[in-house]
Amino acid sequence: MKRRTIIIPTAIILAIIVAALLVYLLPPLYHTRLTFELEDSVSHGWVWDATVRLENREMTTFYQSDRGPVELAFTGLTPGRRTLTITAPNYESVTIPITLHLGANRIAKPIEMVGYQIPDLGHFTMFESTSSSAITVQVRPVSTAGPAVTNHPCLDLWIGALVSVELANGKPAAQPVESGGVRGPTLYKGRIPWSWDSSPSATFRYSATIPFSDFSSSSAPYLVIDYLVIVPDPRKISSKEIDAMMKDAPDFTNTAQLKSYLDSKSSGDRFRYFFSTSWNVKGPAST
């Protein structure tokens, strides 16, 4: 049997070489990508109006997801040493040196953005609703111009409450009091927990809870609630420092001494504090 000699035409050889070169050269241009996640350092939710820059590329993430951070990606990158820069209003900027390799690149942990202020904050307004087991307090930051501030970083607020029986003519008020109401026995005083609503349509981001199980008595139809909200600047004071400071604070019932104490601790704009009072809040006996 005669052997057949296979002759590969020169054109085919050249085509194979060109294809190999294309496979080698094109991925840096079209198949190198970087994926990462971006989140608020306190809420671990999305960061409003963040701008991310890499090489000569830029993306803006006004809203990501109310279920937490989503994967973001730059594609069509060139391998090499690069700098990822992220900025957002009222957040500290982040700069991350990275080395891009050919193909897929991923930053393993979510990039945390640290918010440092609620912009143009003038005061807080509280809106209470009473259920059979607790009072839910919607905590609304309001700007100095009047409108509510809805898109802002999640700061680790310290929220305290002094809950008193509302009295009218020396007895627990049986109905809302227009004037002449006074604070009666204290039912609760101390810090209250809060949660964060990241949905884009939310009017209130912060929601605090005062369980009736914390009350020393549950027979009051109407209540007076005095609030203290401490807004830290995390660049200057930590949440642990705030907690330690409040352990040594004067009793919540003595507002004058408490204000003086907070003023002595707030030098250097480490934090701001706000007082607010709500009357005629429905108590356990009104549900």
Protein backbone atom coordinates (compact mmCIF):
# COMPACT_ATOMS: atom_id res chain seq x y z
CA MET A 1 0.00 0.00 0.00
CA LYS A 2 1.32 3.37 -0.95
CA ARG A 3 1.49 6.08 1.74
CA ARG A 4 -0.23 9.32 1.00
CA THR A 5 1.66 12.50 1.72
CA ILE A 6 -0.46 15.20 3.25
CA ILE A 7 0.54 18.61 2.02
CA ILE A 8 -0.86 21.58 3.94
CA PRO A 9 -1.09 24.57 1.66
CA THR A 10 0.84 27.64 2.73
CA ALA A 11 -2.38 29.67 2.90
CA ILE A 12 -3.85 27.32 5.51
CA ILE A 13 -0.69 27.53 7.62
CA LEU A 14 -0.81 31.30 7.48
CA ALA A 15 -4.50 31.25 8.46
CA ILE A 16 -3.72 29.09 11.51
CA ILE A 17 -0.92 31.43 12.55
CA VAL A 18 -3.14 34.50 12.16
CA ALA A 19 -5.93 32.84 14.14
CA ALA A 20 -3.51 31.99 16.94
CA LEU A 21 -2.25 35.57 17.02
CA LEU A 22 -5.80 36.86 17.18
CA VAL A 23 -6.65 34.56 20.08
CA TYR A 24 -3.57 35.86 21.86
CA LEU A 25 -4.04 39.52 21.07
CA LEU A 26 -7.80 40.03 21.23
CA PRO A 27 -8.58 38.94 24.81
CA PRO A 28 -6.73 41.90 26.31
CA LEU A 29 -9.00 44.14 24.30
CA TYR A 30 -12.33 42.34 24.54
CA HIS A 31 -12.25 39.57 27.15
CA THR A 32 -10.58 41.11 30.18
CA ARG A 33 -13.21 42.17 32.71
CA LEU A 34 -13.44 43.27 36.34
CA THR A 35 -16.42 42.49 38.59
CA PHE A 36 -17.02 43.84 42.09
CA GLU A 37 -19.73 44.84 44.56
CA LEU A 38 -20.20 48.18 46.27
CA GLU A 39 -22.03 48.75 49.57
CA ASP A 40 -22.69 51.19 52.40
CA SER A 41 -20.44 50.27 55.35
CA VAL A 42 -23.28 50.48 57.92
CA SER A 43 -26.43 49.27 56.13
CA HIS A 44 -24.59 47.02 53.63
CA GLY A 45 -27.08 48.29 51.07
CA TRP A 46 -26.61 50.28 47.90
CA VAL A 47 -24.69 53.56 47.69
CA TRP A 48 -26.67 56.38 46.12
CA ASP A 49 -25.15 58.19 43.13
CA ALA A 50 -21.76 56.45 43.25
CA THR A 51 -19.34 57.09 40.38
CA VAL A 52 -16.76 54.40 39.61
CA ARG A 53 -13.76 55.10 37.38
CA LEU A 54 -11.27 52.68 35.86
CA GLU A 55 -8.83 53.44 33.02
CA ASN A 56 -10.80 55.92 30.93
CA ARG A 57 -14.11 54.28 31.80
CA GLU A 58 -16.82 55.54 34.14
CA MET A 59 -20.11 54.21 35.51
CA THR A 60 -22.69 55.83 37.78
CA THR A 61 -24.94 53.76 40.04
CA PHE A 62 -27.86 55.92 41.16
CA TYR A 63 -29.70 52.87 42.50
CA GLN A 64 -28.66 49.22 42.66
CA SER A 65 -31.06 46.99 44.59
CA ASP A 66 -33.06 47.15 47.83
CA ARG A 67 -31.92 43.57 48.49
CA GLY A 68 -28.30 44.62 48.89
CA PRO A 69 -25.37 45.21 46.58
CA VAL A 70 -25.38 43.81 43.06
CA GLU A 71 -22.46 42.78 40.89
CA LEU A 72 -20.99 45.61 38.85
CA ALA A 73 -18.63 45.03 35.93
CA PHE A 74 -16.20 46.77 33.61
CA THR A 75 -15.55 44.88 30.37
CA GLY A 76 -13.20 45.35 27.44
CA LEU A 77 -10.26 46.17 29.70
CA THR A 78 -6.54 45.91 29.10
CA PRO A 79 -4.43 43.79 31.48
CA GLY A 80 -1.98 45.63 33.72
CA ARG A 81 -1.75 47.72 36.85
CA ARG A 82 -4.71 50.05 37.29
CA THR A 83 -6.43 52.23 39.89
CA LEU A 84 -10.13 51.86 40.72
CA THR A 85 -11.61 55.10 42.10
CA ILE A 86 -15.06 55.42 43.67
CA THR A 87 -16.77 58.62 44.80
CA ALA A 88 -20.29 59.36 46.07
CA PRO A 89 -21.91 62.42 47.69
CA ASN A 90 -21.39 62.49 51.47
CA TYR A 91 -19.13 59.43 51.41
CA GLU A 92 -15.38 59.16 51.76
CA SER A 93 -13.82 58.39 48.39
CA VAL A 94 -12.13 55.03 47.85
CA THR A 95 -9.01 54.33 45.77
CA ILE A 96 -7.96 50.74 45.15
CA PRO A 97 -4.83 49.69 43.22
CA ILE A 98 -5.48 46.52 41.24
CA THR A 99 -3.66 44.33 38.75
CA LEU A 100 -5.83 43.15 35.88
CA HIS A 101 -5.00 39.75 34.45
CA LEU A 102 -6.09 38.40 31.11
CA GLY A 103 -9.68 37.15 31.38
CA ALA A 104 -11.95 37.40 34.42
CA ASN A 105 -10.93 39.47 37.45
CA ARG A 106 -12.99 39.83 40.62
CA ILE A 107 -12.65 41.79 43.86
CA ALA A 108 -13.70 39.14 46.37
CA LYS A 109 -15.16 41.27 49.18
CA PRO A 110 -17.70 44.07 48.67
CA ILE A 111 -16.10 47.50 48.60
CA GLU A 112 -17.40 49.43 51.61
CA MET A 113 -18.14 53.13 51.33
CA VAL A 114 -18.09 55.09 54.60
CA GLY A 115 -20.73 57.81 54.83
CA TYR A 116 -19.86 60.77 57.00
CA GLN A 117 -22.90 63.08 56.97
CA ILE A 118 -26.58 63.54 56.23
CA PRO A 119 -26.45 66.58 53.93
CA ASP A 120 -27.89 69.89 55.12
CA LEU A 121 -29.38 68.26 58.22
CA GLY A 122 -31.52 70.69 60.21
CA HIS A 123 -33.46 68.45 62.59
CA PHE A 124 -35.35 65.17 62.90
CA THR A 125 -39.10 64.67 62.84
CA MET A 126 -40.64 61.57 64.41
CA PHE A 127 -43.79 59.80 63.22
CA GLU A 128 -45.15 57.12 65.55
CA SER A 129 -47.55 54.25 64.92
CA THR A 130 -48.75 51.91 67.66
CA SER A 131 -49.41 48.19 67.35
CA SER A 132 -50.42 45.67 70.00
CA SER A 133 -46.79 44.97 70.88
CA ALA A 134 -44.71 48.08 70.15
CA ILE A 135 -44.42 51.65 69.00
CA THR A 136 -42.73 52.03 65.60
CA VAL A 137 -41.04 55.37 65.07
CA GLN A 138 -40.25 56.63 61.58
CA VAL A 139 -37.20 58.89 61.98
CA ARG A 140 -37.12 61.55 59.30
CA PRO A 141 -34.05 63.76 58.76
CA VAL A 142 -35.19 67.19 57.61
CA SER A 143 -33.03 69.71 55.78
CA THR A 144 -32.50 73.28 56.92
CA ALA A 145 -34.62 74.37 53.95
CA GLY A 146 -37.58 72.23 55.05
CA PRO A 147 -37.87 69.17 52.78
CA ALA A 148 -37.03 65.70 54.04
CA VAL A 149 -33.60 64.29 53.16
CA THR A 150 -34.27 60.90 51.56
CA ASN A 151 -31.07 59.92 49.76
CA HIS A 152 -28.16 59.92 52.17
CA PRO A 153 -25.60 57.56 53.72
CA CYS A 154 -26.65 55.24 56.51
CA LEU A 155 -24.95 56.67 59.59
CA ASP A 156 -24.86 54.61 62.78
CA LEU A 157 -27.23 56.81 64.77
CA TRP A 158 -27.52 56.58 68.54
CA ILE A 159 -31.23 57.00 69.27
CA GLY A 160 -32.49 57.22 72.84
CA ALA A 161 -36.01 57.67 74.19
CA LEU A 162 -37.63 58.71 77.43
CA VAL A 163 -41.23 57.40 77.49
CA SER A 164 -43.59 58.94 80.06
CA VAL A 165 -47.27 58.61 80.85
CA GLU A 166 -49.13 61.65 79.53
CA LEU A 167 -51.13 63.28 82.31
CA ALA A 168 -54.09 65.64 82.14
CA ASN A 169 -55.45 67.14 85.37
CA GLY A 170 -53.26 64.82 87.38
CA LYS A 171 -54.54 61.62 85.74
CA PRO A 172 -53.45 59.58 82.71
CA ALA A 173 -54.87 61.32 79.65
CA ALA A 174 -57.83 59.38 78.26
CA GLN A 175 -57.75 61.27 74.95
CA PRO A 176 -55.28 63.46 73.04
CA VAL A 177 -54.45 66.63 74.97
CA GLU A 178 -54.36 69.93 73.10
CA SER A 179 -52.77 71.90 75.96
CA GLY A 180 -51.97 71.49 79.62
CA GLY A 181 -50.58 67.98 79.32
CA VAL A 182 -47.60 67.05 81.50
CA ARG A 183 -45.17 64.18 81.82
CA GLY A 184 -46.08 61.59 84.40
CA PRO A 185 -44.29 58.44 85.55
CA THR A 186 -41.40 57.19 83.40
CA LEU A 187 -42.13 53.92 81.62
CA TYR A 188 -38.87 53.55 79.71
CA LYS A 189 -35.58 55.33 79.19
CA GLY A 190 -32.58 54.24 77.16
CA ARG A 191 -31.38 53.44 73.69
CA ILE A 192 -33.83 52.05 71.14
CA PRO A 193 -32.94 49.85 68.13
CA TRP A 194 -33.49 50.94 64.56
CA SER A 195 -33.52 49.43 61.07
CA TRP A 196 -32.79 50.84 57.61
CA ASP A 197 -35.08 50.84 54.54
CA SER A 198 -33.06 50.95 51.32
CA SER A 199 -36.00 50.85 48.87
CA PRO A 200 -35.86 53.79 46.43
CA SER A 201 -39.44 54.88 47.16
CA ALA A 202 -39.01 55.00 50.95
CA THR A 203 -39.96 58.30 52.59
CA PHE A 204 -38.15 57.27 55.76
CA ARG A 205 -34.88 55.34 55.86
CA TYR A 206 -34.63 54.94 59.65
CA SER A 207 -37.28 53.09 61.61
CA ALA A 208 -36.92 52.66 65.40
CA THR A 209 -38.86 50.35 67.68
CA ILE A 210 -39.97 50.67 71.31
CA PRO A 211 -41.40 47.32 72.48
CA PHE A 212 -44.13 47.44 75.11
CA SER A 213 -42.34 44.56 76.82
CA ASP A 214 -39.73 47.13 77.93
CA PHE A 215 -42.30 49.25 79.75
CA SER A 216 -42.57 49.17 83.52
CA SER A 217 -46.34 49.63 83.13
CA SER A 218 -48.70 49.03 80.24
CA SER A 219 -51.86 50.83 81.35
CA ALA A 220 -51.25 54.29 79.86
CA PRO A 221 -53.64 55.32 77.06
CA TYR A 222 -51.37 58.14 75.85
CA LEU A 223 -47.65 58.79 76.13
CA VAL A 224 -45.05 61.53 75.85
CA ILE A 225 -41.81 60.47 74.15
CA ASP A 226 -38.64 62.57 74.36
CA TYR A 227 -35.98 61.57 71.85
CA LEU A 228 -32.26 62.13 71.61
CA VAL A 229 -30.58 61.44 68.27
CA ILE A 230 -26.77 61.50 68.07
CA VAL A 231 -25.33 61.71 64.56
CA PRO A 232 -21.65 60.73 64.53
CA ASP A 233 -19.00 61.67 62.02
CA PRO A 234 -17.28 58.25 61.68
CA ARG A 235 -14.08 59.94 60.53
CA LYS A 236 -13.74 61.46 64.01
CA ILE A 237 -15.57 59.18 66.46
CA SER A 238 -16.55 55.51 66.41
CA SER A 239 -19.82 53.89 67.44
CA LYS A 240 -18.02 52.22 70.35
CA GLU A 241 -16.85 55.62 71.58
CA ILE A 242 -20.42 56.93 71.38
CA ASP A 243 -21.66 53.94 73.40
CA ALA A 244 -18.98 54.47 76.05
CA MET A 245 -19.74 58.19 76.20
CA MET A 246 -23.46 57.58 76.75
CA LYS A 247 -22.83 55.11 79.57
CA ASP A 248 -21.37 58.01 81.55
CA ALA A 249 -23.98 60.54 80.43
CA PRO A 250 -26.32 62.25 82.94
CA ASP A 251 -29.77 60.77 83.42
CA PHE A 252 -32.03 61.16 80.42
CA THR A 253 -34.61 62.96 82.56
CA ASN A 254 -32.25 65.89 83.18
CA THR A 255 -32.13 67.58 79.77
CA ALA A 256 -30.06 70.60 80.86
CA GLN A 257 -27.27 68.47 82.32
CA LEU A 258 -27.39 66.09 79.37
CA LYS A 259 -27.01 68.95 76.89
CA SER A 260 -24.08 70.36 78.84
CA TYR A 261 -22.43 66.96 78.91
CA LEU A 262 -22.88 66.41 75.17
CA ASP A 263 -21.53 69.88 74.38
CA SER A 264 -18.40 69.08 76.38
CA LYS A 265 -17.85 65.91 74.34
CA SER A 266 -18.63 67.23 70.86
CA SER A 267 -15.59 69.47 70.33
CA GLY A 268 -14.10 69.17 66.86
CA ASP A 269 -17.51 68.41 65.35
CA ARG A 270 -17.17 64.74 66.25
CA PHE A 271 -20.95 64.42 66.37
CA ARG A 272 -24.16 66.41 66.34
CA TYR A 273 -27.17 65.81 68.56
CA PHE A 274 -30.86 66.61 68.31
CA PHE A 275 -33.75 66.54 70.78
CA SER A 276 -37.35 65.98 69.75
CA THR A 277 -40.59 65.46 71.70
CA SER A 278 -43.83 63.78 70.63
CA TRP A 279 -47.08 64.22 72.59
CA ASN A 280 -50.30 62.21 72.38
CA VAL A 281 -48.61 59.01 71.28
CA LYS A 282 -50.99 56.09 71.60
CA GLY A 283 -49.96 53.75 74.39
CA PRO A 284 -50.74 50.07 75.03
CA ALA A 285 -54.19 50.84 76.44
CA SER A 286 -55.21 52.60 73.20
CA THR A 287 -54.62 49.60 70.90
